[in-house]
């Protein structure tokens, strides 16, 4: 791979604000917010609100939080 043209790919913690659920994965996404993970290391924290999203499967959306 050519140096300097690819984004940094490293561990990031994503937090679902609705469910208060966090998980650590590798990603090119980053954030100024930080969190100390279970391993004692500090990682960028990306907060999302995915649990309260609507699922569009037909002309009328279905709310997953009430299913």
PDB file of N, CA and C in Angstrom:
ATOM      1  N   UNK A   1       0.832  -1.184   0.000  1.00  0.00           N
ATOM      2  CA  UNK A   1       0.000   0.000   0.000  1.00  0.00           C
ATOM      3  C   UNK A   1       0.873   1.243   0.000  1.00  0.00           C
ATOM      4  N   UNK A   2       0.394   2.253  -0.657  1.00  0.00           N
ATOM      5  CA  UNK A   2       1.115   3.512  -0.738  1.00  0.00           C
ATOM      6  C   UNK A   2       0.982   4.274   0.588  1.00  0.00           C
ATOM      7  N   UNK A   3       2.083   4.763   1.104  1.00  0.00           N
ATOM      8  CA  UNK A   3       2.107   5.482   2.382  1.00  0.00           C
ATOM      9  C   UNK A   3       1.408   6.836   2.274  1.00  0.00           C
ATOM     10  N   UNK A   4       0.674   7.221   3.323  1.00  0.00           N
ATOM     11  CA  UNK A   4       0.132   8.560   3.446  1.00  0.00           C
ATOM     12  C   UNK A   4      -1.172   8.854   2.723  1.00  0.00           C
ATOM     13  N   UNK A   5      -1.750   7.867   2.029  1.00  0.00           N
ATOM     14  CA  UNK A   5      -2.995   8.147   1.310  1.00  0.00           C
ATOM     15  C   UNK A   5      -4.211   7.475   1.953  1.00  0.00           C
ATOM     16  N   UNK A   6      -3.973   6.592   2.914  1.00  0.00           N
ATOM     17  CA  UNK A   6      -5.068   5.882   3.562  1.00  0.00           C
ATOM     18  C   UNK A   6      -5.344   6.466   4.950  1.00  0.00           C
ATOM     19  N   UNK A   7      -6.622   6.520   5.370  1.00  0.00           N
ATOM     20  CA  UNK A   7      -6.924   7.024   6.716  1.00  0.00           C
ATOM     21  C   UNK A   7      -6.423   6.053   7.787  1.00  0.00           C
ATOM     22  N   UNK A   8      -6.191   6.576   8.967  1.00  0.00           N
ATOM     23  CA  UNK A   8      -5.754   5.755  10.101  1.00  0.00           C
ATOM     24  C   UNK A   8      -6.860   4.763  10.461  1.00  0.00           C
ATOM     25  N   UNK A   9      -6.485   3.512  10.645  1.00  0.00           N
ATOM     26  CA  UNK A   9      -7.422   2.434  10.967  1.00  0.00           C
ATOM     27  C   UNK A   9      -7.021   1.870  12.325  1.00  0.00           C
ATOM     28  N   UNK A  10      -7.798   2.205  13.374  1.00  0.00           N
ATOM     29  CA  UNK A  10      -7.415   1.808  14.727  1.00  0.00           C
ATOM     30  C   UNK A  10      -8.669   1.574  15.564  1.00  0.00           C
ATOM     31  N   UNK A  11      -8.470   1.166  16.808  1.00  0.00           N
ATOM     32  CA  UNK A  11      -9.608   0.871  17.677  1.00  0.00           C
ATOM     33  C   UNK A  11     -10.358   2.139  18.077  1.00  0.00           C
ATOM     34  N   UNK A  12     -11.694   2.032  18.078  1.00  0.00           N
ATOM     35  CA  UNK A  12     -12.600   3.106  18.459  1.00  0.00           C
ATOM     36  C   UNK A  12     -13.718   2.469  19.281  1.00  0.00           C
ATOM     37  N   UNK A  13     -14.226   3.181  20.275  1.00  0.00           N
ATOM     38  CA  UNK A  13     -15.361   2.694  21.063  1.00  0.00           C
ATOM     39  C   UNK A  13     -16.615   3.426  20.594  1.00  0.00           C
ATOM     40  N   UNK A  14     -17.624   2.645  20.224  1.00  0.00           N
ATOM     41  CA  UNK A  14     -18.919   3.203  19.853  1.00  0.00           C
ATOM     42  C   UNK A  14     -19.867   3.004  21.024  1.00  0.00           C
ATOM     43  N   UNK A  15     -20.651   4.038  21.323  1.00  0.00           N
ATOM     44  CA  UNK A  15     -21.609   3.965  22.422  1.00  0.00           C
ATOM     45  C   UNK A  15     -22.998   4.273  21.884  1.00  0.00           C
ATOM     46  N   UNK A  16     -23.939   3.360  22.142  1.00  0.00           N
ATOM     47  CA  UNK A  16     -25.335   3.586  21.790  1.00  0.00           C
ATOM     48  C   UNK A  16     -25.955   4.344  22.961  1.00  0.00           C
ATOM     49  N   UNK A  17     -26.295   5.600  22.740  1.00  0.00           N
ATOM     50  CA  UNK A  17     -26.791   6.458  23.818  1.00  0.00           C
ATOM     51  C   UNK A  17     -28.135   5.982  24.360  1.00  0.00           C
ATOM     52  N   UNK A  18     -28.991   5.401  23.527  1.00  0.00           N
ATOM     53  CA  UNK A  18     -30.308   4.965  23.976  1.00  0.00           C
ATOM     54  C   UNK A  18     -30.234   3.736  24.869  1.00  0.00           C
ATOM     55  N   UNK A  19     -29.382   2.786  24.502  1.00  0.00           N
ATOM     56  CA  UNK A  19     -29.306   1.517  25.236  1.00  0.00           C
ATOM     57  C   UNK A  19     -28.173   1.493  26.248  1.00  0.00           C
ATOM     58  N   UNK A  20     -27.349   2.540  26.284  1.00  0.00           N
ATOM     59  CA  UNK A  20     -26.180   2.596  27.161  1.00  0.00           C
ATOM     60  C   UNK A  20     -25.305   1.354  26.963  1.00  0.00           C
ATOM     61  N   UNK A  21     -25.046   1.029  25.688  1.00  0.00           N
ATOM     62  CA  UNK A  21     -24.267  -0.139  25.303  1.00  0.00           C
ATOM     63  C   UNK A  21     -23.034   0.333  24.543  1.00  0.00           C
ATOM     64  N   UNK A  22     -21.851  -0.188  24.898  1.00  0.00           N
ATOM     65  CA  UNK A  22     -20.622   0.206  24.220  1.00  0.00           C
ATOM     66  C   UNK A  22     -19.933  -1.021  23.631  1.00  0.00           C
ATOM     67  N   UNK A  23     -19.241  -0.806  22.515  1.00  0.00           N
ATOM     68  CA  UNK A  23     -18.447  -1.876  21.927  1.00  0.00           C
ATOM     69  C   UNK A  23     -17.228  -1.258  21.243  1.00  0.00           C
ATOM     70  N   UNK A  24     -16.144  -2.028  21.215  1.00  0.00           N
ATOM     71  CA  UNK A  24     -14.881  -1.561  20.644  1.00  0.00           C
ATOM     72  C   UNK A  24     -14.609  -2.331  19.354  1.00  0.00           C
ATOM     73  N   UNK A  25     -14.362  -1.600  18.291  1.00  0.00           N
ATOM     74  CA  UNK A  25     -14.037  -2.184  16.991  1.00  0.00           C
ATOM     75  C   UNK A  25     -12.958  -1.336  16.333  1.00  0.00           C
ATOM     76  N   UNK A  26     -12.387  -1.849  15.261  1.00  0.00           N
ATOM     77  CA  UNK A  26     -11.438  -1.053  14.482  1.00  0.00           C
ATOM     78  C   UNK A  26     -12.213  -0.278  13.439  1.00  0.00           C
ATOM     79  N   UNK A  27     -11.841   0.972  13.256  1.00  0.00           N
ATOM     80  CA  UNK A  27     -12.560   1.844  12.345  1.00  0.00           C
ATOM     81  C   UNK A  27     -11.655   2.985  11.897  1.00  0.00           C
ATOM     82  N   UNK A  28     -12.044   3.631  10.810  1.00  0.00           N
ATOM     83  CA  UNK A  28     -11.344   4.844  10.393  1.00  0.00           C
ATOM     84  C   UNK A  28     -11.973   6.080  11.030  1.00  0.00           C
ATOM     85  N   UNK A  29     -13.114   5.907  11.690  1.00  0.00           N
ATOM     86  CA  UNK A  29     -13.786   7.025  12.354  1.00  0.00           C
ATOM     87  C   UNK A  29     -13.007   7.403  13.612  1.00  0.00           C
ATOM     88  N   UNK A  30     -13.042   8.684  13.957  1.00  0.00           N
ATOM     89  CA  UNK A  30     -12.358   9.153  15.157  1.00  0.00           C
ATOM     90  C   UNK A  30     -13.210  10.215  15.843  1.00  0.00           C
ATOM     91  N   UNK A  31     -12.789  10.619  17.023  1.00  0.00           N
ATOM     92  CA  UNK A  31     -13.540  11.596  17.807  1.00  0.00           C
ATOM     93  C   UNK A  31     -12.598  12.295  18.774  1.00  0.00           C
ATOM     94  N   UNK A  32     -12.965  13.512  19.164  1.00  0.00           N
ATOM     95  CA  UNK A  32     -12.190  14.217  20.184  1.00  0.00           C
ATOM     96  C   UNK A  32     -12.521  13.682  21.577  1.00  0.00           C
ATOM     97  N   UNK A  33     -13.726  13.073  21.729  1.00  0.00           N
ATOM     98  CA  UNK A  33     -14.112  12.485  23.012  1.00  0.00           C
ATOM     99  C   UNK A  33     -13.322  11.205  23.230  1.00  0.00           C
ATOM    100  N   UNK A  34     -12.980  10.925  24.480  1.00  0.00           N
ATOM    101  CA  UNK A  34     -12.189   9.737  24.830  1.00  0.00           C
ATOM    102  C   UNK A  34     -12.896   8.948  25.926  1.00  0.00           C
ATOM    103  N   UNK A  35     -12.587   7.658  25.988  1.00  0.00           N
ATOM    104  CA  UNK A  35     -13.110   6.797  27.044  1.00  0.00           C
ATOM    105  C   UNK A  35     -12.032   5.789  27.422  1.00  0.00           C
ATOM    106  N   UNK A  36     -11.968   5.431  28.703  1.00  0.00           N
ATOM    107  CA  UNK A  36     -11.059   4.384  29.147  1.00  0.00           C
ATOM    108  C   UNK A  36     -11.810   3.066  29.070  1.00  0.00           C
ATOM    109  N   UNK A  37     -11.295   2.138  28.271  1.00  0.00           N
ATOM    110  CA  UNK A  37     -11.954   0.858  28.030  1.00  0.00           C
ATOM    111  C   UNK A  37     -11.590  -0.140  29.117  1.00  0.00           C
ATOM    112  N   UNK A  38     -12.165  -1.334  29.059  1.00  0.00           N
ATOM    113  CA  UNK A  38     -11.971  -2.385  30.066  1.00  0.00           C
ATOM    114  C   UNK A  38     -10.513  -2.815  30.199  1.00  0.00           C
ATOM    115  N   UNK A  39      -9.721  -2.627  29.138  1.00  0.00           N
ATOM    116  CA  UNK A  39      -8.308  -3.012  29.185  1.00  0.00           C
ATOM    117  C   UNK A  39      -7.422  -1.929  29.796  1.00  0.00           C
ATOM    118  N   UNK A  40      -8.040  -0.814  30.233  1.00  0.00           N
ATOM    119  CA  UNK A  40      -7.298   0.273  30.852  1.00  0.00           C
ATOM    120  C   UNK A  40      -6.736   1.292  29.880  1.00  0.00           C
ATOM    121  N   UNK A  41      -6.884   1.051  28.578  1.00  0.00           N
ATOM    122  CA  UNK A  41      -6.384   1.982  27.568  1.00  0.00           C
ATOM    123  C   UNK A  41      -7.462   2.984  27.188  1.00  0.00           C
ATOM    124  N   UNK A  42      -7.024   4.140  26.699  1.00  0.00           N
ATOM    125  CA  UNK A  42      -7.948   5.197  26.296  1.00  0.00           C
ATOM    126  C   UNK A  42      -8.161   5.151  24.781  1.00  0.00           C
ATOM    127  N   UNK A  43      -9.427   5.237  24.369  1.00  0.00           N
ATOM    128  CA  UNK A  43      -9.795   5.170  22.956  1.00  0.00           C
ATOM    129  C   UNK A  43     -10.736   6.320  22.615  1.00  0.00           C
ATOM    130  N   UNK A  44     -10.793   6.697  21.328  1.00  0.00           N
ATOM    131  CA  UNK A  44     -11.789   7.680  20.898  1.00  0.00           C
ATOM    132  C   UNK A  44     -13.194   7.126  21.120  1.00  0.00           C
ATOM    133  N   UNK A  45     -14.131   7.985  21.510  1.00  0.00           N
ATOM    134  CA  UNK A  45     -15.510   7.582  21.779  1.00  0.00           C
ATOM    135  C   UNK A  45     -16.434   8.247  20.770  1.00  0.00           C
ATOM    136  N   UNK A  46     -17.187   7.409  20.041  1.00  0.00           N
ATOM    137  CA  UNK A  46     -18.181   7.895  19.085  1.00  0.00           C
ATOM    138  C   UNK A  46     -19.549   7.522  19.636  1.00  0.00           C
ATOM    139  N   UNK A  47     -20.376   8.519  19.940  1.00  0.00           N
ATOM    140  CA  UNK A  47     -21.698   8.279  20.505  1.00  0.00           C
ATOM    141  C   UNK A  47     -22.735   8.278  19.388  1.00  0.00           C
ATOM    142  N   UNK A  48     -23.559   7.230  19.368  1.00  0.00           N
ATOM    143  CA  UNK A  48     -24.618   7.058  18.376  1.00  0.00           C
ATOM    144  C   UNK A  48     -25.941   6.864  19.079  1.00  0.00           C
ATOM    145  N   UNK A  49     -27.019   7.008  18.350  1.00  0.00           N
ATOM    146  CA  UNK A  49     -28.353   6.760  18.884  1.00  0.00           C
ATOM    147  C   UNK A  49     -29.048   5.771  17.954  1.00  0.00           C
ATOM    148  N   UNK A  50     -28.575   4.529  17.951  1.00  0.00           N
ATOM    149  CA  UNK A  50     -29.069   3.543  16.990  1.00  0.00           C
ATOM    150  C   UNK A  50     -30.273   2.752  17.476  1.00  0.00           C
ATOM    151  N   UNK A  51     -30.461   2.597  18.769  1.00  0.00           N
ATOM    152  CA  UNK A  51     -31.566   1.780  19.274  1.00  0.00           C
ATOM    153  C   UNK A  51     -32.927   2.409  19.046  1.00  0.00           C
ATOM    154  N   UNK A  52     -32.972   3.718  18.909  1.00  0.00           N
ATOM    155  CA  UNK A  52     -34.267   4.364  18.742  1.00  0.00           C
ATOM    156  C   UNK A  52     -34.568   4.688  17.277  1.00  0.00           C
ATOM    157  N   UNK A  53     -33.768   4.133  16.353  1.00  0.00           N
ATOM    158  CA  UNK A  53     -33.990   4.429  14.937  1.00  0.00           C
ATOM    159  C   UNK A  53     -35.189   3.655  14.406  1.00  0.00           C
ATOM    160  N   UNK A  54     -35.699   4.111  13.294  1.00  0.00           N
ATOM    161  CA  UNK A  54     -36.813   3.445  12.649  1.00  0.00           C
ATOM    162  C   UNK A  54     -36.292   2.484  11.590  1.00  0.00           C
ATOM    163  N   UNK A  55     -36.994   1.385  11.412  1.00  0.00           N
ATOM    164  CA  UNK A  55     -36.633   0.417  10.393  1.00  0.00           C
ATOM    165  C   UNK A  55     -37.565   0.601   9.205  1.00  0.00           C
ATOM    166  N   UNK A  56     -37.004   0.915   8.054  1.00  0.00           N
ATOM    167  CA  UNK A  56     -37.803   1.138   6.860  1.00  0.00           C
ATOM    168  C   UNK A  56     -37.787  -0.130   6.001  1.00  0.00           C
ATOM    169  N   UNK A  57     -38.863  -0.876   6.033  1.00  0.00           N
ATOM    170  CA  UNK A  57     -38.955  -2.106   5.254  1.00  0.00           C
ATOM    171  C   UNK A  57     -40.103  -2.050   4.265  1.00  0.00           C
ATOM    172  N   UNK A  58     -40.937  -1.068   4.370  1.00  0.00           N
ATOM    173  CA  UNK A  58     -42.097  -0.942   3.504  1.00  0.00           C
ATOM    174  C   UNK A  58     -42.445   0.546   3.394  1.00  0.00           C
ATOM    175  N   UNK A  59     -43.506   0.888   2.710  1.00  0.00           N
ATOM    176  CA  UNK A  59     -43.882   2.300   2.622  1.00  0.00           C
ATOM    177  C   UNK A  59     -44.117   2.955   3.982  1.00  0.00           C
ATOM    178  N   UNK A  60     -44.482   2.189   4.991  1.00  0.00           N
ATOM    179  CA  UNK A  60     -44.675   2.775   6.323  1.00  0.00           C
ATOM    180  C   UNK A  60     -43.578   2.269   7.256  1.00  0.00           C
ATOM    181  N   UNK A  61     -42.873   3.165   7.958  1.00  0.00           N
ATOM    182  CA  UNK A  61     -41.789   2.738   8.854  1.00  0.00           C
ATOM    183  C   UNK A  61     -42.325   2.016  10.072  1.00  0.00           C
ATOM    184  N   UNK A  62     -41.506   1.142  10.621  1.00  0.00           N
ATOM    185  CA  UNK A  62     -41.852   0.396  11.824  1.00  0.00           C
ATOM    186  C   UNK A  62     -40.869   0.756  12.914  1.00  0.00           C
ATOM    187  N   UNK A  63     -41.362   1.134  14.075  1.00  0.00           N
ATOM    188  CA  UNK A  63     -40.504   1.515  15.201  1.00  0.00           C
ATOM    189  C   UNK A  63     -40.085   0.258  15.936  1.00  0.00           C
ATOM    190  N   UNK A  64     -38.763  -0.039  15.947  1.00  0.00           N
ATOM    191  CA  UNK A  64     -38.262  -1.259  16.583  1.00  0.00           C
ATOM    192  C   UNK A  64     -38.330  -1.206  18.107  1.00  0.00           C
ATOM    193  N   UNK A  65     -38.347  -0.029  18.692  1.00  0.00           N
ATOM    194  CA  UNK A  65     -38.330   0.078  20.137  1.00  0.00           C
ATOM    195  C   UNK A  65     -39.665  -0.377  20.759  1.00  0.00           C
ATOM    196  N   UNK A  66     -40.724  -0.475  19.975  1.00  0.00           N
ATOM    197  CA  UNK A  66     -42.014  -0.931  20.503  1.00  0.00           C
ATOM    198  C   UNK A  66     -42.351  -2.341  20.054  1.00  0.00           C
ATOM    199  N   UNK A  67     -41.469  -2.978  19.300  1.00  0.00           N
ATOM    200  CA  UNK A  67     -41.739  -4.331  18.795  1.00  0.00           C
ATOM    201  C   UNK A  67     -41.419  -5.370  19.813  1.00  0.00           C
TER     202      UNK A  67
END
